[in-house]
């Protein structure tokens, strides 16, 4: 079953929707971004994936898997330190991490079981921490999944 992802954004945002067939079922993907010259939140991105929770895993497990894929581990990583943070997202627990992109923008990746058996994986990128926080508040208040 595909999910409808609704996120109203100002006109200067570019948006594309697609459905991806995975082993667990159909994953809906919404990609939104602004150009570097945009007036509102230039060079920002919102990437949302919604689909069935993979078998025998959790949102926290998926966050750790995304961390390993995107950031990776190195010899200096402290094995005792957990790189995954916990946030509230629409009255649910979201798990993920923050980092700095190659262009010095800030990214937050969050995984959240938005209802039983349904996983939301979201990446939000903005040029500064302050703009990232504002964008996350906006997305949390406007994002709807049907």
Foldseek 3Di string as FASTA:
>chain_A
DEKDKDFDDDPQKDKDWDWDQDPQGIKIKIKIAHDQPDPQQHGKIKIKIKDFDPPPDFQQRVQVVVCCVPPNDDPPDDPVDDQKDWDQFLNFIWIHHKDADPVRWIKTWIWTQPDVRMIMIMIITGRDPVSSVVVSVSCSVGIDMD
